[in-house]
Amino acid sequence: MNFYKYTFTFLMSLTLMACPASLEDLIEAPLSNADIARGLKEALNLGTGEAVDFLGAKDGYYKSAYKILLPEEARKVTDKLQVIPGFSNVEEIILEKINRGAEDAASSVGPIFLDAIRGMSIGDALGILMGEKDAATVYLNQQTYQSLYNQFEPVVVNSLNKFNAIQYWEDAVNKYNKIPLLNDVNPRLDEYVVHEALKGLFSLVAQKELGIRTDISQRVSPLLQNVFKKQDPS
């Protein structure tokens, strides 16, 4: 019996050596639509998680390519106030405050993105996989921006207040509005900061998505590898 057992094992070994590719095809089950959806969600979880971690850290906005700059109307204020005692460095002070506020807010929005990603359907995932290089990010932006904005705004306002940015800016604008022969400006910055902070988040998510789509080494799980190889050039 041992002879037959060993003979069978030997013959099976020869078979495996002779046709590894065909056996691999038999062993590797094809991806289901549900697998593709899970892969897309994993990619977005990875991208949004890394974006939140990066931008939510100190200097994530303030000293990076995603730094929030002042709008043109605000620059009018800072330019005029530079010659007024107590406001000579007003632009840099407010820039740091609004970027620190955005960093503080970004560190807390991870769950918002996770809830949005869970809502992606299988049909959405199939179209996204074979779409443009930023298709997943565009989908996430289109489907969630307003709800993200509504939830992000109070967080940003609280963060700006934490760094005294809103009061500081209102004081600066009120001082500006007292200068003769100048048109008054709106002292509110929170809405602008929310839009710019979200723009930075989605921009970084798009960068992470592009990395997963084009760089095999960034596909850090078997599921990502199997799903995204379907959109690789032949």
C-alpha atoms as a PDB file:
ATOM      1  CA  MET A   1       0.000   0.000   0.000  1.00  0.00           C
ATOM      2  CA  ASN A   2       2.856   2.354   0.818  1.00  0.00           C
ATOM      3  CA  PHE A   3       4.309   1.750  -2.635  1.00  0.00           C
ATOM      4  CA  TYR A   4       1.079   2.790  -4.352  1.00  0.00           C
ATOM      5  CA  LYS A   5       0.690   5.738  -2.015  1.00  0.00           C
ATOM      6  CA  TYR A   6       4.162   7.059  -2.760  1.00  0.00           C
ATOM      7  CA  THR A   7       3.769   6.376  -6.481  1.00  0.00           C
ATOM      8  CA  PHE A   8       0.557   8.408  -6.574  1.00  0.00           C
ATOM      9  CA  THR A   9       2.206  11.260  -4.666  1.00  0.00           C
ATOM     10  CA  PHE A  10       5.156  11.225  -7.063  1.00  0.00           C
ATOM     11  CA  LEU A  11       2.908  11.316 -10.138  1.00  0.00           C
ATOM     12  CA  MET A  12       0.901  14.211  -8.680  1.00  0.00           C
ATOM     13  CA  SER A  13       4.152  16.095  -8.056  1.00  0.00           C
ATOM     14  CA  LEU A  14       5.156  15.614 -11.694  1.00  0.00           C
ATOM     15  CA  THR A  15       1.738  16.875 -12.794  1.00  0.00           C
ATOM     16  CA  LEU A  16       2.080  20.025 -10.662  1.00  0.00           C
ATOM     17  CA  MET A  17       5.528  20.692 -12.112  1.00  0.00           C
ATOM     18  CA  ALA A  18       4.336  20.147 -15.661  1.00  0.00           C
ATOM     19  CA  CYS A  19       1.378  22.521 -15.678  1.00  0.00           C
ATOM     20  CA  PRO A  20       1.524  25.011 -12.789  1.00  0.00           C
ATOM     21  CA  ALA A  21      -0.242  27.767 -14.701  1.00  0.00           C
ATOM     22  CA  SER A  22      -3.337  25.730 -15.530  1.00  0.00           C
ATOM     23  CA  LEU A  23      -3.625  24.422 -11.975  1.00  0.00           C
ATOM     24  CA  GLU A  24      -3.263  27.958 -10.649  1.00  0.00           C
ATOM     25  CA  ASP A  25      -6.129  28.994 -12.882  1.00  0.00           C
ATOM     26  CA  LEU A  26      -8.232  26.167 -11.425  1.00  0.00           C
ATOM     27  CA  ILE A  27      -7.349  27.044  -7.839  1.00  0.00           C
ATOM     28  CA  GLU A  28      -7.796  30.835  -8.184  1.00  0.00           C
ATOM     29  CA  ALA A  29     -11.530  31.529  -8.215  1.00  0.00           C
ATOM     30  CA  PRO A  30     -12.675  34.449 -10.386  1.00  0.00           C
ATOM     31  CA  LEU A  31     -13.502  37.706  -8.650  1.00  0.00           C
ATOM     32  CA  SER A  32     -17.154  38.232  -7.900  1.00  0.00           C
ATOM     33  CA  ASN A  33     -18.845  41.616  -8.157  1.00  0.00           C
ATOM     34  CA  ALA A  34     -18.963  41.646  -4.370  1.00  0.00           C
ATOM     35  CA  ASP A  35     -15.169  41.126  -4.290  1.00  0.00           C
ATOM     36  CA  ILE A  36     -14.690  44.093  -6.606  1.00  0.00           C
ATOM     37  CA  ALA A  37     -16.908  46.254  -4.397  1.00  0.00           C
ATOM     38  CA  ARG A  38     -14.932  45.195  -1.318  1.00  0.00           C
ATOM     39  CA  GLY A  39     -11.687  46.002  -3.115  1.00  0.00           C
ATOM     40  CA  LEU A  40     -12.851  49.486  -4.104  1.00  0.00           C
ATOM     41  CA  LYS A  41     -14.023  50.166  -0.571  1.00  0.00           C
ATOM     42  CA  GLU A  42     -10.710  48.948   0.816  1.00  0.00           C
ATOM     43  CA  ALA A  43      -8.858  51.292  -1.545  1.00  0.00           C
ATOM     44  CA  LEU A  44     -11.000  54.254  -0.494  1.00  0.00           C
ATOM     45  CA  ASN A  45     -10.654  53.351   3.174  1.00  0.00           C
ATOM     46  CA  LEU A  46      -6.901  53.271   2.696  1.00  0.00           C
ATOM     47  CA  GLY A  47      -6.805  56.544   0.759  1.00  0.00           C
ATOM     48  CA  THR A  48      -9.098  58.489   3.066  1.00  0.00           C
ATOM     49  CA  GLY A  49      -7.402  57.079   6.150  1.00  0.00           C
ATOM     50  CA  GLU A  50      -3.967  58.170   4.976  1.00  0.00           C
ATOM     51  CA  ALA A  51      -5.307  61.572   3.896  1.00  0.00           C
ATOM     52  CA  VAL A  52      -6.927  62.168   7.284  1.00  0.00           C
ATOM     53  CA  ASP A  53      -3.786  61.036   9.126  1.00  0.00           C
ATOM     54  CA  PHE A  54      -1.567  63.299   7.027  1.00  0.00           C
ATOM     55  CA  LEU A  55      -3.705  66.444   7.028  1.00  0.00           C
ATOM     56  CA  GLY A  56      -4.825  65.963  10.618  1.00  0.00           C
ATOM     57  CA  ALA A  57      -1.246  66.012  11.907  1.00  0.00           C
ATOM     58  CA  LYS A  58       0.563  69.209  12.869  1.00  0.00           C
ATOM     59  CA  ASP A  59       1.619  71.080   9.703  1.00  0.00           C
ATOM     60  CA  GLY A  60      -0.483  68.702   7.585  1.00  0.00           C
ATOM     61  CA  TYR A  61      -2.059  71.746   5.961  1.00  0.00           C
ATOM     62  CA  TYR A  62       0.107  74.607   7.153  1.00  0.00           C
ATOM     63  CA  LYS A  63       3.449  73.378   5.820  1.00  0.00           C
ATOM     64  CA  SER A  64       2.388  71.241   2.875  1.00  0.00           C
ATOM     65  CA  ALA A  65       1.145  71.606  -0.675  1.00  0.00           C
ATOM     66  CA  TYR A  66      -2.381  71.689   0.796  1.00  0.00           C
ATOM     67  CA  LYS A  67      -1.833  74.885   2.773  1.00  0.00           C
ATOM     68  CA  ILE A  68      -4.996  76.988   2.891  1.00  0.00           C
ATOM     69  CA  LEU A  69      -4.259  80.471   1.571  1.00  0.00           C
ATOM     70  CA  LEU A  70      -6.324  83.588   2.103  1.00  0.00           C
ATOM     71  CA  PRO A  71      -8.960  84.536  -0.474  1.00  0.00           C
ATOM     72  CA  GLU A  72      -8.400  87.666  -2.550  1.00  0.00           C
ATOM     73  CA  GLU A  73     -10.806  89.736  -0.454  1.00  0.00           C
ATOM     74  CA  ALA A  74      -8.898  88.796   2.695  1.00  0.00           C
ATOM     75  CA  ARG A  75      -5.615  89.828   1.102  1.00  0.00           C
ATOM     76  CA  LYS A  76      -7.018  93.343   0.706  1.00  0.00           C
ATOM     77  CA  VAL A  77      -7.490  93.446   4.466  1.00  0.00           C
ATOM     78  CA  THR A  78      -4.061  92.123   5.394  1.00  0.00           C
ATOM     79  CA  ASP A  79      -2.267  94.413   2.916  1.00  0.00           C
ATOM     80  CA  LYS A  80      -3.904  97.508   4.388  1.00  0.00           C
ATOM     81  CA  LEU A  81      -3.462  96.465   8.009  1.00  0.00           C
ATOM     82  CA  GLN A  82       0.293  95.853   7.778  1.00  0.00           C
ATOM     83  CA  VAL A  83       0.980  99.508   8.584  1.00  0.00           C
ATOM     84  CA  ILE A  84      -1.345  99.580  11.607  1.00  0.00           C
ATOM     85  CA  PRO A  85       0.247  98.844  15.019  1.00  0.00           C
ATOM     86  CA  GLY A  86      -0.666  95.398  16.281  1.00  0.00           C
ATOM     87  CA  PHE A  87      -1.455  94.032  12.819  1.00  0.00           C
ATOM     88  CA  SER A  88       1.903  94.165  11.032  1.00  0.00           C
ATOM     89  CA  ASN A  89       2.069  90.371  10.776  1.00  0.00           C
ATOM     90  CA  VAL A  90      -1.659  89.804  10.431  1.00  0.00           C
ATOM     91  CA  GLU A  91      -1.524  87.649   7.287  1.00  0.00           C
ATOM     92  CA  GLU A  92       0.881  85.054   8.617  1.00  0.00           C
ATOM     93  CA  ILE A  93      -0.882  84.944  11.978  1.00  0.00           C
ATOM     94  CA  ILE A  94      -4.287  84.288  10.443  1.00  0.00           C
ATOM     95  CA  LEU A  95      -2.825  81.799   7.943  1.00  0.00           C
ATOM     96  CA  GLU A  96      -1.387  79.736  10.752  1.00  0.00           C
ATOM     97  CA  LYS A  97      -4.607  79.935  12.749  1.00  0.00           C
ATOM     98  CA  ILE A  98      -6.891  78.800   9.920  1.00  0.00           C
ATOM     99  CA  ASN A  99      -4.546  75.998   8.900  1.00  0.00           C
ATOM    100  CA  ARG A 100      -4.220  74.804  12.497  1.00  0.00           C
ATOM    101  CA  GLY A 101      -8.004  74.843  12.688  1.00  0.00           C
ATOM    102  CA  ALA A 102      -8.269  72.774   9.519  1.00  0.00           C
ATOM    103  CA  GLU A 103      -5.705  70.278  10.830  1.00  0.00           C
ATOM    104  CA  ASP A 104      -7.598  69.929  14.078  1.00  0.00           C
ATOM    105  CA  ALA A 105     -10.871  69.374  12.215  1.00  0.00           C
ATOM    106  CA  ALA A 106      -9.379  66.913   9.704  1.00  0.00           C
ATOM    107  CA  SER A 107      -8.169  64.678  12.501  1.00  0.00           C
ATOM    108  CA  SER A 108     -11.779  63.969  13.512  1.00  0.00           C
ATOM    109  CA  VAL A 109     -13.557  63.331  10.202  1.00  0.00           C
ATOM    110  CA  GLY A 110     -12.422  59.769   9.517  1.00  0.00           C
ATOM    111  CA  PRO A 111     -15.768  58.233  10.574  1.00  0.00           C
ATOM    112  CA  ILE A 112     -17.620  60.544   8.143  1.00  0.00           C
ATOM    113  CA  PHE A 113     -15.651  59.133   5.219  1.00  0.00           C
ATOM    114  CA  LEU A 114     -16.102  55.564   6.440  1.00  0.00           C
ATOM    115  CA  ASP A 115     -19.885  55.931   6.546  1.00  0.00           C
ATOM    116  CA  ALA A 116     -19.879  57.349   3.028  1.00  0.00           C
ATOM    117  CA  ILE A 117     -17.730  54.527   1.670  1.00  0.00           C
ATOM    118  CA  ARG A 118     -19.986  51.866   3.187  1.00  0.00           C
ATOM    119  CA  GLY A 119     -22.832  53.240   1.090  1.00  0.00           C
ATOM    120  CA  MET A 120     -21.143  52.410  -2.228  1.00  0.00           C
ATOM    121  CA  SER A 121     -23.148  49.862  -4.187  1.00  0.00           C
ATOM    122  CA  ILE A 122     -21.795  46.939  -6.219  1.00  0.00           C
ATOM    123  CA  GLY A 123     -22.965  48.649  -9.409  1.00  0.00           C
ATOM    124  CA  ASP A 124     -21.071  51.808  -8.484  1.00  0.00           C
ATOM    125  CA  ALA A 125     -17.924  49.807  -7.802  1.00  0.00           C
ATOM    126  CA  LEU A 126     -17.959  48.030 -11.165  1.00  0.00           C
ATOM    127  CA  GLY A 127     -18.136  51.331 -13.051  1.00  0.00           C
ATOM    128  CA  ILE A 128     -15.511  52.979 -10.868  1.00  0.00           C
ATOM    129  CA  LEU A 129     -12.930  50.197 -11.265  1.00  0.00           C
ATOM    130  CA  MET A 130     -12.772  50.549 -15.033  1.00  0.00           C
ATOM    131  CA  GLY A 131     -13.272  54.330 -14.997  1.00  0.00           C
ATOM    132  CA  GLU A 132     -10.843  57.235 -14.931  1.00  0.00           C
ATOM    133  CA  LYS A 133      -7.832  57.259 -12.624  1.00  0.00           C
ATOM    134  CA  ASP A 134      -9.735  59.362 -10.076  1.00  0.00           C
ATOM    135  CA  ALA A 135     -13.137  57.760 -10.571  1.00  0.00           C
ATOM    136  CA  ALA A 136     -13.477  56.563  -6.968  1.00  0.00           C
ATOM    137  CA  THR A 137     -12.574  59.979  -5.581  1.00  0.00           C
ATOM    138  CA  VAL A 138     -14.956  61.747  -7.975  1.00  0.00           C
ATOM    139  CA  TYR A 139     -17.733  59.379  -6.920  1.00  0.00           C
ATOM    140  CA  LEU A 140     -17.007  59.994  -3.254  1.00  0.00           C
ATOM    141  CA  ASN A 141     -16.983  63.754  -3.811  1.00  0.00           C
ATOM    142  CA  GLN A 142     -20.250  63.773  -5.775  1.00  0.00           C
ATOM    143  CA  GLN A 143     -22.098  61.502  -3.392  1.00  0.00           C
ATOM    144  CA  THR A 144     -20.903  62.880  -0.068  1.00  0.00           C
ATOM    145  CA  TYR A 145     -19.656  66.448  -0.396  1.00  0.00           C
ATOM    146  CA  GLN A 146     -22.745  68.189   0.973  1.00  0.00           C
ATOM    147  CA  SER A 147     -23.179  65.800   3.883  1.00  0.00           C
ATOM    148  CA  LEU A 148     -19.458  66.029   4.604  1.00  0.00           C
ATOM    149  CA  TYR A 149     -19.693  69.809   4.478  1.00  0.00           C
ATOM    150  CA  ASN A 150     -22.659  69.859   6.854  1.00  0.00           C
ATOM    151  CA  GLN A 151     -20.825  67.685   9.371  1.00  0.00           C
ATOM    152  CA  PHE A 152     -17.405  69.217   8.782  1.00  0.00           C
ATOM    153  CA  GLU A 153     -18.492  72.844   9.208  1.00  0.00           C
ATOM    154  CA  PRO A 154     -19.229  72.806  12.949  1.00  0.00           C
ATOM    155  CA  VAL A 155     -16.029  70.863  13.550  1.00  0.00           C
ATOM    156  CA  VAL A 156     -14.039  73.483  11.622  1.00  0.00           C
ATOM    157  CA  VAL A 157     -15.785  76.348  13.421  1.00  0.00           C
ATOM    158  CA  ASN A 158     -15.015  74.765  16.793  1.00  0.00           C
ATOM    159  CA  SER A 159     -11.419  74.219  15.728  1.00  0.00           C
ATOM    160  CA  LEU A 160     -11.070  77.811  14.480  1.00  0.00           C
ATOM    161  CA  ASN A 161     -12.477  79.051  17.777  1.00  0.00           C
ATOM    162  CA  LYS A 162     -10.056  76.775  19.598  1.00  0.00           C
ATOM    163  CA  PHE A 163      -7.198  78.677  17.942  1.00  0.00           C
ATOM    164  CA  ASN A 164      -9.008  82.040  18.267  1.00  0.00           C
ATOM    165  CA  ALA A 165      -8.926  82.409  14.489  1.00  0.00           C
ATOM    166  CA  ILE A 166     -12.481  83.677  13.965  1.00  0.00           C
ATOM    167  CA  GLN A 167     -12.308  86.349  16.665  1.00  0.00           C
ATOM    168  CA  TYR A 168      -8.846  87.442  15.551  1.00  0.00           C
ATOM    169  CA  TRP A 169     -10.015  87.790  11.951  1.00  0.00           C
ATOM    170  CA  GLU A 170     -13.197  89.643  12.886  1.00  0.00           C
ATOM    171  CA  ASP A 171     -11.135  92.111  14.920  1.00  0.00           C
ATOM    172  CA  ALA A 172      -8.808  92.625  11.960  1.00  0.00           C
ATOM    173  CA  VAL A 173     -11.678  93.132   9.506  1.00  0.00           C
ATOM    174  CA  ASN A 174     -13.497  95.503  11.823  1.00  0.00           C
ATOM    175  CA  LYS A 175     -10.314  97.552  12.087  1.00  0.00           C
ATOM    176  CA  TYR A 176     -10.049  97.530   8.279  1.00  0.00           C
ATOM    177  CA  ASN A 177     -13.671  98.617   7.867  1.00  0.00           C
ATOM    178  CA  LYS A 178     -12.951 101.736   9.916  1.00  0.00           C
ATOM    179  CA  ILE A 179     -10.359 102.949   7.404  1.00  0.00           C
ATOM    180  CA  PRO A 180     -11.939 105.837   5.423  1.00  0.00           C
ATOM    181  CA  LEU A 181     -12.781 105.472   1.717  1.00  0.00           C
ATOM    182  CA  LEU A 182     -12.605 101.667   1.699  1.00  0.00           C
ATOM    183  CA  ASN A 183     -15.487  99.300   0.985  1.00  0.00           C
ATOM    184  CA  ASP A 184     -16.463  97.106   3.909  1.00  0.00           C
ATOM    185  CA  VAL A 185     -15.669  93.399   3.660  1.00  0.00           C
ATOM    186  CA  ASN A 186     -17.314  90.356   5.202  1.00  0.00           C
ATOM    187  CA  PRO A 187     -15.384  89.268   8.299  1.00  0.00           C
ATOM    188  CA  ARG A 188     -16.388  85.567   8.120  1.00  0.00           C
ATOM    189  CA  LEU A 189     -13.766  83.018   7.111  1.00  0.00           C
ATOM    190  CA  ASP A 190     -15.209  79.733   8.395  1.00  0.00           C
ATOM    191  CA  GLU A 191     -17.169  78.820   5.234  1.00  0.00           C
ATOM    192  CA  TYR A 192     -14.135  79.480   3.066  1.00  0.00           C
ATOM    193  CA  VAL A 193     -11.903  77.380   5.321  1.00  0.00           C
ATOM    194  CA  VAL A 194     -14.376  74.464   5.214  1.00  0.00           C
ATOM    195  CA  HIS A 195     -14.392  74.447   1.400  1.00  0.00           C
ATOM    196  CA  GLU A 196     -10.596  74.714   1.177  1.00  0.00           C
ATOM    197  CA  ALA A 197     -10.039  72.038   3.824  1.00  0.00           C
ATOM    198  CA  LEU A 198     -12.339  69.608   2.009  1.00  0.00           C
ATOM    199  CA  LYS A 199     -10.693  70.443  -1.307  1.00  0.00           C
ATOM    200  CA  GLY A 200      -7.358  69.442   0.220  1.00  0.00           C
ATOM    201  CA  LEU A 201      -8.792  66.214   1.610  1.00  0.00           C
ATOM    202  CA  PHE A 202     -10.275  65.110  -1.709  1.00  0.00           C
ATOM    203  CA  SER A 203      -7.124  66.119  -3.566  1.00  0.00           C
ATOM    204  CA  LEU A 204      -5.012  63.906  -1.333  1.00  0.00           C
ATOM    205  CA  VAL A 205      -7.512  61.032  -1.596  1.00  0.00           C
ATOM    206  CA  ALA A 206      -7.255  61.318  -5.399  1.00  0.00           C
ATOM    207  CA  GLN A 207      -3.473  61.109  -5.137  1.00  0.00           C
ATOM    208  CA  LYS A 208      -3.745  57.961  -3.026  1.00  0.00           C
ATOM    209  CA  GLU A 209      -6.202  56.414  -5.490  1.00  0.00           C
ATOM    210  CA  LEU A 210      -3.861  57.128  -8.383  1.00  0.00           C
ATOM    211  CA  GLY A 211      -1.052  55.433  -6.480  1.00  0.00           C
ATOM    212  CA  ILE A 212      -3.071  52.248  -5.978  1.00  0.00           C
ATOM    213  CA  ARG A 213      -4.175  52.227  -9.614  1.00  0.00           C
ATOM    214  CA  THR A 214      -0.718  52.753 -11.116  1.00  0.00           C
ATOM    215  CA  ASP A 215       1.774  51.412  -8.558  1.00  0.00           C
ATOM    216  CA  ILE A 216       1.503  47.707  -7.777  1.00  0.00           C
ATOM    217  CA  SER A 217       3.587  48.120  -4.612  1.00  0.00           C
ATOM    218  CA  GLN A 218       0.820  50.273  -3.096  1.00  0.00           C
ATOM    219  CA  ARG A 219      -1.686  47.432  -3.367  1.00  0.00           C
ATOM    220  CA  VAL A 220      -0.984  46.249   0.133  1.00  0.00           C
ATOM    221  CA  SER A 221      -3.420  43.328   0.350  1.00  0.00           C
ATOM    222  CA  PRO A 222      -4.240  40.306  -1.847  1.00  0.00           C
ATOM    223  CA  LEU A 223      -7.718  41.736  -2.433  1.00  0.00           C
ATOM    224  CA  LEU A 224      -6.342  45.055  -3.739  1.00  0.00           C
ATOM    225  CA  GLN A 225      -3.877  43.192  -5.937  1.00  0.00           C
ATOM    226  CA  ASN A 226      -6.549  40.958  -7.455  1.00  0.00           C
ATOM    227  CA  VAL A 227      -9.119  43.697  -7.965  1.00  0.00           C
ATOM    228  CA  PHE A 228      -6.913  46.401  -9.435  1.00  0.00           C
ATOM    229  CA  LYS A 229      -5.006  44.137 -11.784  1.00  0.00           C
ATOM    230  CA  LYS A 230      -8.271  43.981 -13.749  1.00  0.00           C
ATOM    231  CA  GLN A 231      -7.802  47.635 -14.750  1.00  0.00           C
ATOM    232  CA  ASP A 232      -4.088  47.360 -15.492  1.00  0.00           C
ATOM    233  CA  PRO A 233      -3.030  47.769 -19.134  1.00  0.00           C
ATOM    234  CA  SER A 234      -2.693  44.414 -20.894  1.00  0.00           C
END
